[in-house]
């Protein structure tokens, strides 16, 4: 098999370029004619000796969720218009600005030219396309509703993108405030308090407790800063190393749900993802066991995902979805009630999508007010710091003024 580059013209006169792997030029021409393309030129690509490409050593741009949304929107429009999938994929490869996505689409286009399906071609790039994404494409191909599959993926990805943006925006102010507090602590201990220490030493009297604590803390910062930095680096390195392990990631996902204010919000976001993903897969006709597996991967929390996977055992024994959901202990009464009613009425997907929309609205409200919930805690902490600093600095001066009288 050899690689051939081609130029062809469609029935509207538009020129298309691409590459095919085939035995000879006639095979390439036959494939182009099957796609309603008239060949203009077909050339054999010569194999060149490998050269050092410095771009390979540079970090490649990631295929973020925004690129995936644009890709799904374009594929939805092209597949709905009746354009062949291979032509649509290769056309998008020429127009995308993300070089990583461009390379992926070119490989997918080559796989399609060999007779593979789109889902099979995407499965070779699972690092960029999630199992949920590939399963939805596979269902769309088997049912002949590929354009609808891309439409559902657009809605799903846009909701994920909007949720992430809102959470980041809500946590931006508290993160900046906490960072400013730690920077202020370092500056005060390293530069401010030492300047007052020389003044306090001239008093020749016992210093108040608050002042002694400040001076001792400042001395420790100045003389043993390397100890603090070493301990901090070792602690952070061990923490992230532990989080990268299976047990550490599971523990952290479980612990995050217990955090004040943030924990309940993360739990609500995970439940919203589960209900929306499961409803989308169930409506598309994906088997219930496979829907549970894919929904567990989409929640973004290993602790909740494990409880969702445990539901498989109950369903395999013949239990209903509502019983296994109740036994898991992870779902709110609203979700349990909707699942039970949905099983009786045969509208599980519709009712769970309603639950997802309800949780999305609740999440929007709580995300908008998360800064307001954290502000009192941060203000109390800052007030306590300022009080300790003020007492430590001004109490000796007060004692000196009173003693002078």
Protein backbone atom coordinates (compact mmCIF):
# COMPACT_ATOMS: atom_id res chain seq x y z
CA UNK A 1 0.00 0.00 0.00
CA UNK A 2 1.20 3.50 -0.85
CA UNK A 3 0.07 7.02 -0.04
CA UNK A 4 -1.37 9.18 -2.82
CA UNK A 5 -2.25 12.86 -2.78
CA UNK A 6 -5.20 13.91 -4.88
CA UNK A 7 -7.09 16.90 -6.19
CA UNK A 8 -10.70 16.45 -7.18
CA UNK A 9 -13.70 18.58 -8.03
CA UNK A 10 -17.24 18.01 -6.75
CA UNK A 11 -20.48 18.52 -8.62
CA UNK A 12 -20.54 22.18 -7.56
CA UNK A 13 -17.08 22.82 -8.96
CA UNK A 14 -15.33 23.09 -5.59
CA UNK A 15 -11.81 21.67 -5.44
CA UNK A 16 -10.94 19.13 -2.71
CA UNK A 17 -7.48 17.95 -1.72
CA UNK A 18 -6.41 15.09 0.50
CA UNK A 19 -4.44 11.88 0.85
CA UNK A 20 -5.47 8.24 0.45
CA UNK A 21 -3.67 4.99 1.10
CA UNK A 22 -4.27 2.59 -1.77
CA UNK A 23 -2.62 -0.01 -3.97
CA UNK A 24 -2.51 2.17 -7.08
CA UNK A 25 -3.88 5.31 -8.71
CA UNK A 26 -6.89 3.49 -10.14
CA UNK A 27 -8.04 2.54 -6.64
CA UNK A 28 -7.84 6.16 -5.56
CA UNK A 29 -9.81 7.25 -8.63
CA UNK A 30 -12.51 4.65 -7.93
CA UNK A 31 -12.91 5.89 -4.35
CA UNK A 32 -13.18 9.49 -5.50
CA UNK A 33 -15.84 8.59 -8.07
CA UNK A 34 -17.81 6.73 -5.38
CA UNK A 35 -17.83 9.96 -3.39
CA UNK A 36 -19.13 11.92 -6.38
CA UNK A 37 -15.75 13.59 -6.90
CA UNK A 38 -14.07 13.99 -10.30
CA UNK A 39 -10.29 13.40 -10.09
CA UNK A 40 -8.06 16.20 -11.34
CA UNK A 41 -4.66 14.84 -10.34
CA UNK A 42 -3.41 11.83 -8.37
CA UNK A 43 0.24 11.74 -7.34
CA UNK A 44 2.30 9.19 -5.47
CA UNK A 45 3.85 10.50 -2.27
CA UNK A 46 7.51 9.57 -2.10
CA UNK A 47 8.84 8.30 1.19
CA UNK A 48 11.53 10.65 2.44
CA UNK A 49 14.17 9.97 5.02
CA UNK A 50 13.13 11.05 8.47
CA UNK A 51 14.25 14.51 9.47
CA UNK A 52 14.48 16.10 12.83
CA UNK A 53 11.44 18.24 13.34
CA UNK A 54 11.94 20.61 16.21
CA UNK A 55 8.21 21.13 16.49
CA UNK A 56 7.85 17.60 17.78
CA UNK A 57 9.80 18.57 20.89
CA UNK A 58 7.59 21.56 21.58
CA UNK A 59 4.41 21.17 23.61
CA UNK A 60 1.47 20.53 21.31
CA UNK A 61 -1.70 22.56 21.82
CA UNK A 62 -4.42 20.69 23.65
CA UNK A 63 -7.82 19.95 22.20
CA UNK A 64 -9.88 21.78 24.78
CA UNK A 65 -13.61 21.64 25.22
CA UNK A 66 -14.14 24.77 23.11
CA UNK A 67 -12.49 23.08 20.11
CA UNK A 68 -14.66 20.01 20.64
CA UNK A 69 -17.83 22.12 20.73
CA UNK A 70 -16.92 23.81 17.44
CA UNK A 71 -16.03 20.45 15.86
CA UNK A 72 -19.35 18.88 16.90
CA UNK A 73 -21.32 21.90 15.70
CA UNK A 74 -19.65 21.76 12.29
CA UNK A 75 -20.08 17.98 12.00
CA UNK A 76 -23.76 18.33 12.93
CA UNK A 77 -24.31 20.87 10.17
CA UNK A 78 -22.31 18.93 7.56
CA UNK A 79 -23.84 15.52 8.32
CA UNK A 80 -27.35 17.01 8.34
CA UNK A 81 -26.63 18.48 4.89
CA UNK A 82 -25.83 15.02 3.52
CA UNK A 83 -22.10 15.62 2.95
CA UNK A 84 -20.06 12.36 3.13
CA UNK A 85 -18.38 11.92 6.49
CA UNK A 86 -14.88 11.52 5.08
CA UNK A 87 -15.18 14.69 3.04
CA UNK A 88 -16.53 16.55 6.07
CA UNK A 89 -13.70 15.36 8.33
CA UNK A 90 -10.97 16.23 5.84
CA UNK A 91 -12.59 19.59 5.16
CA UNK A 92 -12.61 20.43 8.87
CA UNK A 93 -8.97 19.36 9.12
CA UNK A 94 -8.11 22.08 6.63
CA UNK A 95 -10.04 24.82 8.45
CA UNK A 96 -9.31 24.15 12.12
CA UNK A 97 -6.74 26.37 13.85
CA UNK A 98 -5.73 23.72 16.40
CA UNK A 99 -2.80 21.77 14.95
CA UNK A 100 -3.39 18.81 17.27
CA UNK A 101 -7.01 18.50 16.18
CA UNK A 102 -5.93 18.95 12.55
CA UNK A 103 -3.54 16.00 12.80
CA UNK A 104 -6.20 13.88 14.50
CA UNK A 105 -8.79 14.64 11.82
CA UNK A 106 -6.34 13.82 9.04
CA UNK A 107 -5.62 10.44 10.64
CA UNK A 108 -9.37 9.88 11.09
CA UNK A 109 -9.93 10.76 7.42
CA UNK A 110 -7.28 8.24 6.37
CA UNK A 111 -8.89 5.56 8.53
CA UNK A 112 -12.26 6.34 6.96
CA UNK A 113 -10.73 5.92 3.51
CA UNK A 114 -9.72 2.37 4.49
CA UNK A 115 -13.35 1.50 5.22
CA UNK A 116 -13.46 2.07 8.99
CA UNK A 117 -16.44 3.69 10.61
CA UNK A 118 -16.18 7.07 12.31
CA UNK A 119 -16.48 5.57 15.79
CA UNK A 120 -13.73 3.06 15.01
CA UNK A 121 -11.50 5.83 13.68
CA UNK A 122 -12.08 7.99 16.76
CA UNK A 123 -11.39 5.08 19.09
CA UNK A 124 -7.72 5.23 18.05
CA UNK A 125 -7.58 8.69 19.69
CA UNK A 126 -9.24 7.91 23.04
CA UNK A 127 -6.87 10.33 24.74
CA UNK A 128 -8.80 13.18 23.11
CA UNK A 129 -12.24 11.60 22.59
CA UNK A 130 -13.92 10.21 25.69
CA UNK A 131 -15.72 6.82 25.70
CA UNK A 132 -18.98 8.77 26.06
CA UNK A 133 -18.19 10.72 22.88
CA UNK A 134 -17.31 7.58 20.92
CA UNK A 135 -20.36 5.66 22.17
CA UNK A 136 -22.71 8.46 21.11
CA UNK A 137 -21.14 8.47 17.62
CA UNK A 138 -21.45 4.69 17.44
CA UNK A 139 -25.13 4.83 18.37
CA UNK A 140 -25.70 7.59 15.82
CA UNK A 141 -24.06 5.50 13.11
CA UNK A 142 -26.07 2.37 13.94
CA UNK A 143 -29.40 4.24 14.00
CA UNK A 144 -28.69 6.51 11.03
CA UNK A 145 -29.01 9.64 13.19
CA UNK A 146 -25.41 10.79 13.25
CA UNK A 147 -26.41 14.45 12.99
CA UNK A 148 -28.63 14.08 16.06
CA UNK A 149 -25.77 12.42 17.96
CA UNK A 150 -23.53 15.39 17.24
CA UNK A 151 -26.34 17.75 18.32
CA UNK A 152 -26.65 15.97 21.67
CA UNK A 153 -22.88 16.10 22.11
CA UNK A 154 -22.94 19.85 21.45
CA UNK A 155 -25.52 20.36 24.20
CA UNK A 156 -23.59 18.13 26.59
CA UNK A 157 -20.21 19.77 25.94
CA UNK A 158 -21.62 23.29 26.13
CA UNK A 159 -23.16 22.54 29.51
CA UNK A 160 -19.84 21.15 30.76
CA UNK A 161 -17.99 24.18 29.43
CA UNK A 162 -20.39 26.67 31.00
CA UNK A 163 -20.29 24.90 34.37
CA UNK A 164 -16.48 24.91 34.46
CA UNK A 165 -16.35 28.58 33.51
CA UNK A 166 -18.83 29.54 36.23
CA UNK A 167 -16.99 27.58 38.92
CA UNK A 168 -13.64 29.12 37.92
CA UNK A 169 -15.15 32.60 37.89
CA UNK A 170 -16.71 32.06 41.32
CA UNK A 171 -13.44 30.79 42.85
CA UNK A 172 -11.25 33.46 41.25
CA UNK A 173 -11.90 36.13 43.89
CA UNK A 174 -11.47 33.84 46.94
CA UNK A 175 -8.29 32.39 45.41
CA UNK A 176 -6.81 35.84 44.85
CA UNK A 177 -7.75 36.87 48.37
CA UNK A 178 -6.19 33.81 49.97
CA UNK A 179 -3.03 34.29 47.90
CA UNK A 180 -2.85 37.93 49.01
CA UNK A 181 -3.19 36.85 52.65
CA UNK A 182 -0.26 34.43 52.43
CA UNK A 183 1.89 36.99 50.63
CA UNK A 184 1.03 39.54 53.33
CA UNK A 185 2.04 37.07 56.07
CA UNK A 186 5.44 36.55 54.45
CA UNK A 187 6.05 40.27 53.88
CA UNK A 188 5.03 41.21 57.44
CA UNK A 189 7.22 38.55 59.04
CA UNK A 190 10.23 39.14 56.81
CA UNK A 191 10.29 42.92 56.57
CA UNK A 192 7.73 44.76 58.72
CA UNK A 193 8.14 43.16 62.14
CA UNK A 194 11.99 43.18 62.06
CA UNK A 195 11.90 46.95 61.63
CA UNK A 196 9.84 47.24 64.84
CA UNK A 197 12.05 44.74 66.68
CA UNK A 198 14.89 47.25 66.96
CA UNK A 199 12.53 49.77 68.54
CA UNK A 200 11.13 47.23 71.00
CA UNK A 201 14.61 46.15 72.11
CA UNK A 202 15.29 49.71 73.33
CA UNK A 203 12.40 49.58 75.77
CA UNK A 204 14.36 47.37 78.13
CA UNK A 205 11.18 45.94 79.64
CA UNK A 206 9.15 42.77 79.27
CA UNK A 207 7.15 42.74 76.08
CA UNK A 208 3.48 41.75 75.91
CA UNK A 209 2.62 38.19 74.90
CA UNK A 210 1.28 39.21 71.48
CA UNK A 211 4.48 41.11 70.71
CA UNK A 212 6.69 38.21 71.81
CA UNK A 213 4.75 35.83 69.57
CA UNK A 214 5.16 38.15 66.61
CA UNK A 215 8.88 38.62 67.19
CA UNK A 216 9.55 34.90 67.66
CA UNK A 217 7.53 34.06 64.56
CA UNK A 218 9.39 36.69 62.55
CA UNK A 219 12.78 35.41 63.76
CA UNK A 220 11.83 31.88 62.77
CA UNK A 221 10.80 33.08 59.31
CA UNK A 222 14.05 34.98 58.83
CA UNK A 223 16.49 32.36 60.11
CA UNK A 224 14.70 29.15 59.12
CA UNK A 225 12.88 30.13 55.95
CA UNK A 226 14.66 27.33 54.12
CA UNK A 227 13.17 24.82 56.58
CA UNK A 228 9.67 26.12 55.92
CA UNK A 229 10.25 26.10 52.18
CA UNK A 230 11.64 22.56 52.26
CA UNK A 231 8.75 21.28 54.34
CA UNK A 232 6.28 23.00 52.05
CA UNK A 233 7.84 21.54 48.89
CA UNK A 234 8.05 18.04 50.36
CA UNK A 235 4.46 18.20 51.60
CA UNK A 236 3.08 19.48 48.29
CA UNK A 237 5.11 16.93 46.30
CA UNK A 238 3.95 14.04 48.48
CA UNK A 239 0.35 15.28 48.35
CA UNK A 240 0.25 15.39 44.55
CA UNK A 241 2.13 12.09 44.32
CA UNK A 242 -0.49 10.50 46.54
CA UNK A 243 -3.32 12.06 44.53
CA UNK A 244 -1.93 10.51 41.36
CA UNK A 245 -2.30 7.05 42.89
CA UNK A 246 -5.59 5.16 42.70
CA UNK A 247 -6.19 5.18 46.46
CA UNK A 248 -5.19 8.82 46.79
CA UNK A 249 -7.48 9.97 43.99
CA UNK A 250 -10.38 8.00 45.47
CA UNK A 251 -9.75 9.44 48.95
CA UNK A 252 -9.51 13.01 47.64
CA UNK A 253 -12.72 12.72 45.61
CA UNK A 254 -14.49 11.40 48.71
CA UNK A 255 -13.02 14.09 50.96
CA UNK A 256 -13.93 16.91 48.58
CA UNK A 257 -17.61 16.12 49.04
CA UNK A 258 -17.26 16.82 52.79
CA UNK A 259 -15.73 20.28 52.44
CA UNK A 260 -17.90 23.10 53.78
CA UNK A 261 -19.73 25.12 51.12
CA UNK A 262 -17.68 23.63 48.26
CA UNK A 263 -18.49 19.97 48.97
CA UNK A 264 -22.24 20.18 48.49
CA UNK A 265 -21.72 22.19 45.30
CA UNK A 266 -19.36 19.57 43.85
CA UNK A 267 -21.81 16.82 44.76
CA UNK A 268 -24.61 18.69 43.03
CA UNK A 269 -22.52 19.19 39.88
CA UNK A 270 -21.66 15.47 39.81
CA UNK A 271 -25.31 14.45 40.17
CA UNK A 272 -26.29 16.86 37.41
CA UNK A 273 -23.68 15.32 35.11
CA UNK A 274 -24.91 11.81 35.90
CA UNK A 275 -28.58 12.53 35.27
CA UNK A 276 -27.88 14.46 32.06
CA UNK A 277 -25.45 11.86 30.67
CA UNK A 278 -27.56 8.85 31.63
CA UNK A 279 -30.70 10.43 30.17
CA UNK A 280 -28.88 11.26 26.92
CA UNK A 281 -27.49 7.73 26.56
CA UNK A 282 -30.77 6.07 27.58
CA UNK A 283 -32.67 8.14 25.02
CA UNK A 284 -30.12 7.25 22.32
CA UNK A 285 -30.77 3.55 22.92
CA UNK A 286 -27.53 2.61 24.67
CA UNK A 287 -27.97 -0.51 26.89
CA UNK A 288 -28.53 0.37 30.53
CA UNK A 289 -25.35 -1.34 31.79
CA UNK A 290 -23.20 0.47 29.25
CA UNK A 291 -25.02 3.72 30.08
CA UNK A 292 -24.08 3.29 33.74
CA UNK A 293 -20.44 2.69 32.82
CA UNK A 294 -20.24 5.77 30.62
CA UNK A 295 -22.17 7.93 33.09
CA UNK A 296 -19.80 6.91 35.87
CA UNK A 297 -16.86 8.19 33.81
CA UNK A 298 -18.58 11.51 33.14
CA UNK A 299 -19.32 12.55 36.75
CA UNK A 300 -15.71 13.55 37.43
CA UNK A 301 -15.63 11.98 40.91
CA UNK A 302 -14.24 8.49 41.52
CA UNK A 303 -16.15 8.05 44.79
CA UNK A 304 -19.53 8.70 43.18
CA UNK A 305 -18.48 6.79 40.05
CA UNK A 306 -17.74 3.67 42.12
CA UNK A 307 -21.22 3.75 43.65
CA UNK A 308 -22.72 4.11 40.17
CA UNK A 309 -20.73 1.10 38.96
CA UNK A 310 -21.93 -0.89 41.98
CA UNK A 311 -25.45 -0.43 40.64
CA UNK A 312 -24.54 -2.80 37.80
CA UNK A 313 -24.46 -5.76 40.16
CA UNK A 314 -28.00 -5.15 41.33
CA UNK A 315 -29.30 -4.71 37.78
CA UNK A 316 -27.50 -7.86 36.65
CA UNK A 317 -29.29 -9.73 39.48
CA UNK A 318 -32.60 -8.50 38.13
CA UNK A 319 -33.27 -5.53 40.44
CA UNK A 320 -34.85 -2.39 39.07
CA UNK A 321 -32.92 0.79 38.47
CA UNK A 322 -34.75 2.59 41.27
CA UNK A 323 -33.87 -0.10 43.85
CA UNK A 324 -30.21 -0.17 42.94
CA UNK A 325 -30.10 3.65 42.97
CA UNK A 326 -31.67 3.70 46.44
CA UNK A 327 -29.24 1.05 47.71
CA UNK A 328 -26.24 3.06 46.50
CA UNK A 329 -27.04 5.89 48.94
CA UNK A 330 -25.62 8.51 46.58
CA UNK A 331 -28.78 10.05 45.15
CA UNK A 332 -31.18 12.63 46.49
CA UNK A 333 -34.88 11.83 47.07
CA UNK A 334 -35.73 13.89 43.97
CA UNK A 335 -33.60 11.70 41.69
CA UNK A 336 -34.89 8.49 43.29
CA UNK A 337 -38.48 9.61 42.89
CA UNK A 338 -37.98 10.58 39.24
CA UNK A 339 -36.29 7.25 38.44
CA UNK A 340 -39.14 5.34 40.09
CA UNK A 341 -41.83 7.32 38.26
CA UNK A 342 -39.87 7.07 35.01
CA UNK A 343 -39.70 3.28 35.24
CA UNK A 344 -43.44 3.07 35.76
CA UNK A 345 -44.26 5.48 32.93
CA UNK A 346 -41.45 4.50 30.54
CA UNK A 347 -40.02 8.04 30.51
CA UNK A 348 -36.81 7.68 32.52
CA UNK A 349 -34.81 9.79 30.06
CA UNK A 350 -37.30 12.66 30.02
CA UNK A 351 -37.68 12.85 33.81
CA UNK A 352 -33.94 12.59 34.44
CA UNK A 353 -33.30 15.35 31.92
CA UNK A 354 -35.77 17.50 33.88
CA UNK A 355 -33.84 16.70 37.07
CA UNK A 356 -30.60 17.66 35.33
CA UNK A 357 -32.05 21.01 34.27
CA UNK A 358 -33.23 21.62 37.84
CA UNK A 359 -29.77 20.87 39.25
CA UNK A 360 -28.15 23.05 36.58
CA UNK A 361 -30.30 25.98 37.68
CA UNK A 362 -29.48 25.30 41.33
CA UNK A 363 -25.79 25.06 40.45
CA UNK A 364 -25.90 28.40 38.63
CA UNK A 365 -27.48 30.05 41.66
CA UNK A 366 -25.02 28.54 44.13
CA UNK A 367 -22.00 29.30 41.96
CA UNK A 368 -23.04 32.94 41.71
CA UNK A 369 -23.31 33.13 45.51
CA UNK A 370 -20.24 31.10 46.42
CA UNK A 371 -18.10 34.21 46.75
CA UNK A 372 -20.66 35.75 49.08
CA UNK A 373 -20.57 32.58 51.22
CA UNK A 374 -16.78 32.56 51.48
CA UNK A 375 -16.33 36.27 52.10
CA UNK A 376 -17.37 36.23 55.81
CA UNK A 377 -14.90 33.42 56.58
CA UNK A 378 -12.07 35.20 54.80
CA UNK A 379 -12.91 38.53 56.40
CA UNK A 380 -12.91 36.98 59.88
CA UNK A 381 -9.50 35.43 59.18
CA UNK A 382 -8.09 38.73 57.91
CA UNK A 383 -9.59 40.58 60.87
CA UNK A 384 -7.92 38.16 63.30
CA UNK A 385 -4.55 38.67 61.57
CA UNK A 386 -4.88 42.44 61.68
CA UNK A 387 -5.90 42.31 65.36
CA UNK A 388 -2.87 40.20 66.31
CA UNK A 389 -0.55 42.47 64.34
CA UNK A 390 -2.05 45.61 65.85
CA UNK A 391 -1.84 44.27 69.40
CA UNK A 392 1.72 43.11 68.91
CA UNK A 393 2.88 46.45 67.52
CA UNK A 394 0.91 48.96 69.56
CA UNK A 395 0.74 47.31 73.01
CA UNK A 396 4.43 48.03 73.79
CA UNK A 397 3.95 51.62 72.71
CA UNK A 398 0.84 51.85 74.88
CA UNK A 399 2.73 50.42 77.88
CA UNK A 400 5.56 52.87 77.26
CA UNK A 401 3.13 55.79 77.16
CA UNK A 402 1.37 54.67 80.34
CA UNK A 403 4.66 53.99 82.13
CA UNK A 404 6.00 57.38 81.10
CA UNK A 405 3.17 59.07 82.92
